Amino acid sequence: MFGLGVTELVIIMIIVVVLFGASKLPQIGKGIGEAITNFKKATSEFTGSDETRKVASENTGEKKV
């Protein structure tokens, strides 16, 4: 996972707890989770619309650009 070992992840978590405090961690986790979900939705919508255009151009005989 990105070349990070367990020790590095523990150190990062300790730094995050020190910077933001333990009470903010659930909010930070929720925000990161929502950001990842939105990113995946946007990526799949972009990929889906690209595939739709490709199929539509094949059906109408248009050249791909």
PDB file of N, CA and C in Angstrom:
ATOM      1  N   MET A   1       0.852  -1.183   0.000  1.00  0.00           N
ATOM      2  CA  MET A   1       0.000   0.000   0.000  1.00  0.00           C
ATOM      3  C   MET A   1       0.889   1.235   0.000  1.00  0.00           C
ATOM      4  N   PHE A   2       1.204   1.762  -1.141  1.00  0.00           N
ATOM      5  CA  PHE A   2       1.985   2.977  -1.307  1.00  0.00           C
ATOM      6  C   PHE A   2       3.352   2.888  -0.652  1.00  0.00           C
ATOM      7  N   GLY A   3       3.828   1.693  -0.383  1.00  0.00           N
ATOM      8  CA  GLY A   3       5.136   1.535   0.211  1.00  0.00           C
ATOM      9  C   GLY A   3       5.190   1.925   1.678  1.00  0.00           C
ATOM     10  N   LEU A   4       4.041   2.021   2.339  1.00  0.00           N
ATOM     11  CA  LEU A   4       4.006   2.369   3.756  1.00  0.00           C
ATOM     12  C   LEU A   4       3.838   1.101   4.582  1.00  0.00           C
ATOM     13  N   GLY A   5       4.668   0.970   5.595  1.00  0.00           N
ATOM     14  CA  GLY A   5       4.554  -0.162   6.495  1.00  0.00           C
ATOM     15  C   GLY A   5       3.659   0.195   7.669  1.00  0.00           C
ATOM     16  N   VAL A   6       3.504  -0.758   8.548  1.00  0.00           N
ATOM     17  CA  VAL A   6       2.665  -0.567   9.727  1.00  0.00           C
ATOM     18  C   VAL A   6       3.228   0.539  10.618  1.00  0.00           C
ATOM     19  N   THR A   7       4.520   0.556  10.769  1.00  0.00           N
ATOM     20  CA  THR A   7       5.148   1.568  11.626  1.00  0.00           C
ATOM     21  C   THR A   7       4.879   2.974  11.108  1.00  0.00           C
ATOM     22  N   GLU A   8       5.006   3.164   9.800  1.00  0.00           N
ATOM     23  CA  GLU A   8       4.762   4.482   9.215  1.00  0.00           C
ATOM     24  C   GLU A   8       3.309   4.902   9.394  1.00  0.00           C
ATOM     25  N   LEU A   9       2.384   3.959   9.203  1.00  0.00           N
ATOM     26  CA  LEU A   9       0.966   4.278   9.375  1.00  0.00           C
ATOM     27  C   LEU A   9       0.634   4.658  10.820  1.00  0.00           C
ATOM     28  N   VAL A  10       1.247   3.975  11.772  1.00  0.00           N
ATOM     29  CA  VAL A  10       1.029   4.308  13.183  1.00  0.00           C
ATOM     30  C   VAL A  10       1.551   5.704  13.480  1.00  0.00           C
ATOM     31  N   ILE A  11       2.722   6.028  12.969  1.00  0.00           N
ATOM     32  CA  ILE A  11       3.292   7.363  13.183  1.00  0.00           C
ATOM     33  C   ILE A  11       2.382   8.430  12.574  1.00  0.00           C
ATOM     34  N   ILE A  12       1.880   8.182  11.377  1.00  0.00           N
ATOM     35  CA  ILE A  12       0.969   9.137  10.732  1.00  0.00           C
ATOM     36  C   ILE A  12      -0.295   9.312  11.554  1.00  0.00           C
ATOM     37  N   MET A  13      -0.851   8.221  12.062  1.00  0.00           N
ATOM     38  CA  MET A  13      -2.064   8.317  12.889  1.00  0.00           C
ATOM     39  C   MET A  13      -1.799   9.111  14.167  1.00  0.00           C
ATOM     40  N   ILE A  14      -0.654   8.908  14.787  1.00  0.00           N
ATOM     41  CA  ILE A  14      -0.317   9.666  16.002  1.00  0.00           C
ATOM     42  C   ILE A  14      -0.237  11.159  15.682  1.00  0.00           C
ATOM     43  N   ILE A  15       0.390  11.501  14.572  1.00  0.00           N
ATOM     44  CA  ILE A  15       0.502  12.905  14.171  1.00  0.00           C
ATOM     45  C   ILE A  15      -0.883  13.497  13.920  1.00  0.00           C
ATOM     46  N   VAL A  16      -1.763  12.734  13.260  1.00  0.00           N
ATOM     47  CA  VAL A  16      -3.120  13.213  12.980  1.00  0.00           C
ATOM     48  C   VAL A  16      -3.879  13.447  14.286  1.00  0.00           C
ATOM     49  N   VAL A  17      -3.757  12.530  15.228  1.00  0.00           N
ATOM     50  CA  VAL A  17      -4.441  12.693  16.523  1.00  0.00           C
ATOM     51  C   VAL A  17      -3.914  13.916  17.257  1.00  0.00           C
ATOM     52  N   VAL A  18      -2.611  14.139  17.204  1.00  0.00           N
ATOM     53  CA  VAL A  18      -2.023  15.301  17.880  1.00  0.00           C
ATOM     54  C   VAL A  18      -2.495  16.597  17.213  1.00  0.00           C
ATOM     55  N   LEU A  19      -2.534  16.623  15.893  1.00  0.00           N
ATOM     56  CA  LEU A  19      -2.908  17.843  15.180  1.00  0.00           C
ATOM     57  C   LEU A  19      -4.397  18.172  15.314  1.00  0.00           C
ATOM     58  N   PHE A  20      -5.247  17.174  15.135  1.00  0.00           N
ATOM     59  CA  PHE A  20      -6.687  17.435  15.078  1.00  0.00           C
ATOM     60  C   PHE A  20      -7.428  17.068  16.356  1.00  0.00           C
ATOM     61  N   GLY A  21      -6.864  16.249  17.181  1.00  0.00           N
ATOM     62  CA  GLY A  21      -7.545  15.807  18.389  1.00  0.00           C
ATOM     63  C   GLY A  21      -8.425  14.604  18.092  1.00  0.00           C
ATOM     64  N   ALA A  22      -8.630  13.786  19.103  1.00  0.00           N
ATOM     65  CA  ALA A  22      -9.389  12.547  18.916  1.00  0.00           C
ATOM     66  C   ALA A  22     -10.856  12.812  18.594  1.00  0.00           C
ATOM     67  N   SER A  23     -11.393  13.946  19.054  1.00  0.00           N
ATOM     68  CA  SER A  23     -12.810  14.220  18.816  1.00  0.00           C
ATOM     69  C   SER A  23     -13.106  14.561  17.358  1.00  0.00           C
ATOM     70  N   LYS A  24     -12.115  15.021  16.619  1.00  0.00           N
ATOM     71  CA  LYS A  24     -12.314  15.395  15.208  1.00  0.00           C
ATOM     72  C   LYS A  24     -12.119  14.220  14.250  1.00  0.00           C
ATOM     73  N   LEU A  25     -11.550  13.113  14.713  1.00  0.00           N
ATOM     74  CA  LEU A  25     -11.251  11.999  13.820  1.00  0.00           C
ATOM     75  C   LEU A  25     -12.476  11.440  13.099  1.00  0.00           C
ATOM     76  N   PRO A  26     -13.620  11.241  13.771  1.00  0.00           N
ATOM     77  CA  PRO A  26     -14.790  10.741  13.035  1.00  0.00           C
ATOM     78  C   PRO A  26     -15.244  11.691  11.921  1.00  0.00           C
ATOM     79  N   GLN A  27     -15.169  12.993  12.174  1.00  0.00           N
ATOM     80  CA  GLN A  27     -15.546  13.968  11.148  1.00  0.00           C
ATOM     81  C   GLN A  27     -14.575  13.923   9.972  1.00  0.00           C
ATOM     82  N   ILE A  28     -13.303  13.788  10.263  1.00  0.00           N
ATOM     83  CA  ILE A  28     -12.297  13.710   9.205  1.00  0.00           C
ATOM     84  C   ILE A  28     -12.504  12.439   8.381  1.00  0.00           C
ATOM     85  N   GLY A  29     -12.746  11.324   9.057  1.00  0.00           N
ATOM     86  CA  GLY A  29     -12.985  10.063   8.357  1.00  0.00           C
ATOM     87  C   GLY A  29     -14.213  10.127   7.473  1.00  0.00           C
ATOM     88  N   LYS A  30     -15.272  10.742   7.989  1.00  0.00           N
ATOM     89  CA  LYS A  30     -16.505  10.883   7.208  1.00  0.00           C
ATOM     90  C   LYS A  30     -16.251  11.748   5.976  1.00  0.00           C
ATOM     91  N   GLY A  31     -15.531  12.830   6.154  1.00  0.00           N
ATOM     92  CA  GLY A  31     -15.225  13.717   5.034  1.00  0.00           C
ATOM     93  C   GLY A  31     -14.393  13.020   3.964  1.00  0.00           C
ATOM     94  N   ILE A  32     -13.415  12.251   4.386  1.00  0.00           N
ATOM     95  CA  ILE A  32     -12.577  11.527   3.430  1.00  0.00           C
ATOM     96  C   ILE A  32     -13.407  10.463   2.710  1.00  0.00           C
ATOM     97  N   GLY A  33     -14.262   9.768   3.443  1.00  0.00           N
ATOM     98  CA  GLY A  33     -15.123   8.756   2.830  1.00  0.00           C
ATOM     99  C   GLY A  33     -16.065   9.354   1.799  1.00  0.00           C
ATOM    100  N   GLU A  34     -16.660  10.498   2.122  1.00  0.00           N
ATOM    101  CA  GLU A  34     -17.555  11.161   1.170  1.00  0.00           C
ATOM    102  C   GLU A  34     -16.790  11.638  -0.058  1.00  0.00           C
ATOM    103  N   ALA A  35     -15.579  12.130   0.153  1.00  0.00           N
ATOM    104  CA  ALA A  35     -14.768  12.589  -0.978  1.00  0.00           C
ATOM    105  C   ALA A  35     -14.433  11.428  -1.911  1.00  0.00           C
ATOM    106  N   ILE A  36     -14.087  10.285  -1.345  1.00  0.00           N
ATOM    107  CA  ILE A  36     -13.771   9.115  -2.164  1.00  0.00           C
ATOM    108  C   ILE A  36     -15.006   8.649  -2.923  1.00  0.00           C
ATOM    109  N   THR A  37     -16.173   8.641  -2.245  1.00  0.00           N
ATOM    110  CA  THR A  37     -17.419   8.238  -2.895  1.00  0.00           C
ATOM    111  C   THR A  37     -17.751   9.167  -4.051  1.00  0.00           C
ATOM    112  N   ASN A  38     -17.638  10.465  -3.827  1.00  0.00           N
ATOM    113  CA  ASN A  38     -17.923  11.431  -4.898  1.00  0.00           C
ATOM    114  C   ASN A  38     -16.941  11.283  -6.057  1.00  0.00           C
ATOM    115  N   PHE A  39     -15.695  11.021  -5.751  1.00  0.00           N
ATOM    116  CA  PHE A  39     -14.697  10.834  -6.796  1.00  0.00           C
ATOM    117  C   PHE A  39     -15.019   9.606  -7.640  1.00  0.00           C
ATOM    118  N   LYS A  40     -15.409   8.515  -6.980  1.00  0.00           N
ATOM    119  CA  LYS A  40     -15.755   7.292  -7.713  1.00  0.00           C
ATOM    120  C   LYS A  40     -16.988   7.510  -8.583  1.00  0.00           C
ATOM    121  N   LYS A  41     -17.993   8.242  -8.056  1.00  0.00           N
ATOM    122  CA  LYS A  41     -19.192   8.545  -8.851  1.00  0.00           C
ATOM    123  C   LYS A  41     -18.823   9.359 -10.087  1.00  0.00           C
ATOM    124  N   ALA A  42     -18.033  10.387  -9.890  1.00  0.00           N
ATOM    125  CA  ALA A  42     -17.642  11.242 -11.006  1.00  0.00           C
ATOM    126  C   ALA A  42     -16.838  10.461 -12.035  1.00  0.00           C
ATOM    127  N   THR A  43     -15.963   9.603 -11.574  1.00  0.00           N
ATOM    128  CA  THR A  43     -15.160   8.797 -12.486  1.00  0.00           C
ATOM    129  C   THR A  43     -16.033   7.841 -13.278  1.00  0.00           C
ATOM    130  N   SER A  44     -16.980   7.186 -12.615  1.00  0.00           N
ATOM    131  CA  SER A  44     -17.835   6.239 -13.326  1.00  0.00           C
ATOM    132  C   SER A  44     -18.779   6.965 -14.280  1.00  0.00           C
ATOM    133  N   GLU A  45     -19.258   8.150 -13.916  1.00  0.00           N
ATOM    134  CA  GLU A  45     -20.110   8.924 -14.815  1.00  0.00           C
ATOM    135  C   GLU A  45     -19.317   9.355 -16.049  1.00  0.00           C
ATOM    136  N   PHE A  46     -18.086   9.780 -15.844  1.00  0.00           N
ATOM    137  CA  PHE A  46     -17.241  10.196 -16.955  1.00  0.00           C
ATOM    138  C   PHE A  46     -16.952   9.009 -17.867  1.00  0.00           C
ATOM    139  N   THR A  47     -16.601   7.885 -17.290  1.00  0.00           N
ATOM    140  CA  THR A  47     -16.312   6.683 -18.070  1.00  0.00           C
ATOM    141  C   THR A  47     -17.574   6.204 -18.780  1.00  0.00           C
ATOM    142  N   GLY A  48     -18.709   6.233 -18.090  1.00  0.00           N
ATOM    143  CA  GLY A  48     -19.964   5.796 -18.688  1.00  0.00           C
ATOM    144  C   GLY A  48     -20.370   6.670 -19.855  1.00  0.00           C
ATOM    145  N   SER A  49     -20.222   7.976 -19.736  1.00  0.00           N
ATOM    146  CA  SER A  49     -20.605   8.864 -20.829  1.00  0.00           C
ATOM    147  C   SER A  49     -19.666   8.690 -22.013  1.00  0.00           C
ATOM    148  N   ASP A  50     -18.414   8.390 -21.750  1.00  0.00           N
ATOM    149  CA  ASP A  50     -17.452   8.155 -22.822  1.00  0.00           C
ATOM    150  C   ASP A  50     -17.817   6.882 -23.583  1.00  0.00           C
ATOM    151  N   GLU A  51     -18.189   5.834 -22.859  1.00  0.00           N
ATOM    152  CA  GLU A  51     -18.581   4.583 -23.500  1.00  0.00           C
ATOM    153  C   GLU A  51     -19.888   4.754 -24.262  1.00  0.00           C
ATOM    154  N   THR A  52     -20.799   5.563 -23.745  1.00  0.00           N
ATOM    155  CA  THR A  52     -22.064   5.810 -24.425  1.00  0.00           C
ATOM    156  C   THR A  52     -21.816   6.504 -25.754  1.00  0.00           C
ATOM    157  N   ARG A  53     -20.943   7.504 -25.758  1.00  0.00           N
ATOM    158  CA  ARG A  53     -20.614   8.198 -27.009  1.00  0.00           C
ATOM    159  C   ARG A  53     -19.963   7.253 -28.009  1.00  0.00           C
ATOM    160  N   LYS A  54     -19.112   6.366 -27.519  1.00  0.00           N
ATOM    161  CA  LYS A  54     -18.415   5.430 -28.388  1.00  0.00           C
ATOM    162  C   LYS A  54     -19.411   4.489 -29.062  1.00  0.00           C
ATOM    163  N   VAL A  55     -20.359   3.956 -28.286  1.00  0.00           N
ATOM    164  CA  VAL A  55     -21.370   3.057 -28.837  1.00  0.00           C
ATOM    165  C   VAL A  55     -22.268   3.812 -29.796  1.00  0.00           C
ATOM    166  N   ALA A  56     -22.659   5.026 -29.440  1.00  0.00           N
ATOM    167  CA  ALA A  56     -23.530   5.820 -30.306  1.00  0.00           C
ATOM    168  C   ALA A  56     -22.841   6.133 -31.625  1.00  0.00           C
ATOM    169  N   SER A  57     -21.560   6.450 -31.600  1.00  0.00           N
ATOM    170  CA  SER A  57     -20.847   6.760 -32.833  1.00  0.00           C
ATOM    171  C   SER A  57     -20.683   5.516 -33.696  1.00  0.00           C
ATOM    172  N   GLU A  58     -20.538   4.359 -33.069  1.00  0.00           N
ATOM    173  CA  GLU A  58     -20.441   3.116 -33.833  1.00  0.00           C
ATOM    174  C   GLU A  58     -21.772   2.784 -34.495  1.00  0.00           C
ATOM    175  N   ASN A  59     -22.878   3.074 -33.801  1.00  0.00           N
ATOM    176  CA  ASN A  59     -24.205   2.785 -34.347  1.00  0.00           C
ATOM    177  C   ASN A  59     -24.561   3.721 -35.491  1.00  0.00           C
ATOM    178  N   THR A  60     -24.096   4.953 -35.468  1.00  0.00           N
ATOM    179  CA  THR A  60     -24.434   5.917 -36.511  1.00  0.00           C
ATOM    180  C   THR A  60     -23.389   5.964 -37.613  1.00  0.00           C
ATOM    181  N   GLY A  61     -22.283   5.286 -37.416  1.00  0.00           N
ATOM    182  CA  GLY A  61     -21.241   5.242 -38.428  1.00  0.00           C
ATOM    183  C   GLY A  61     -20.318   6.443 -38.414  1.00  0.00           C
ATOM    184  N   GLU A  62     -20.343   7.233 -37.340  1.00  0.00           N
ATOM    185  CA  GLU A  62     -19.474   8.401 -37.251  1.00  0.00           C
ATOM    186  C   GLU A  62     -18.050   7.958 -36.978  1.00  0.00           C
ATOM    187  N   LYS A  63     -17.126   8.789 -37.408  1.00  0.00           N
ATOM    188  CA  LYS A  63     -15.726   8.515 -37.121  1.00  0.00           C
ATOM    189  C   LYS A  63     -15.409   8.982 -35.710  1.00  0.00           C
ATOM    190  N   LYS A  64     -14.554   8.214 -35.023  1.00  0.00           N
ATOM    191  CA  LYS A  64     -14.115   8.610 -33.687  1.00  0.00           C
ATOM    192  C   LYS A  64     -13.080   9.701 -33.804  1.00  0.00           C
ATOM    193  N   VAL A  65     -13.139  10.643 -32.887  1.00  0.00           N
ATOM    194  CA  VAL A  65     -12.193  11.761 -32.900  1.00  0.00           C
ATOM    195  C   VAL A  65     -11.078  11.480 -31.934  1.00  0.00           C
TER     196      VAL A  65
END
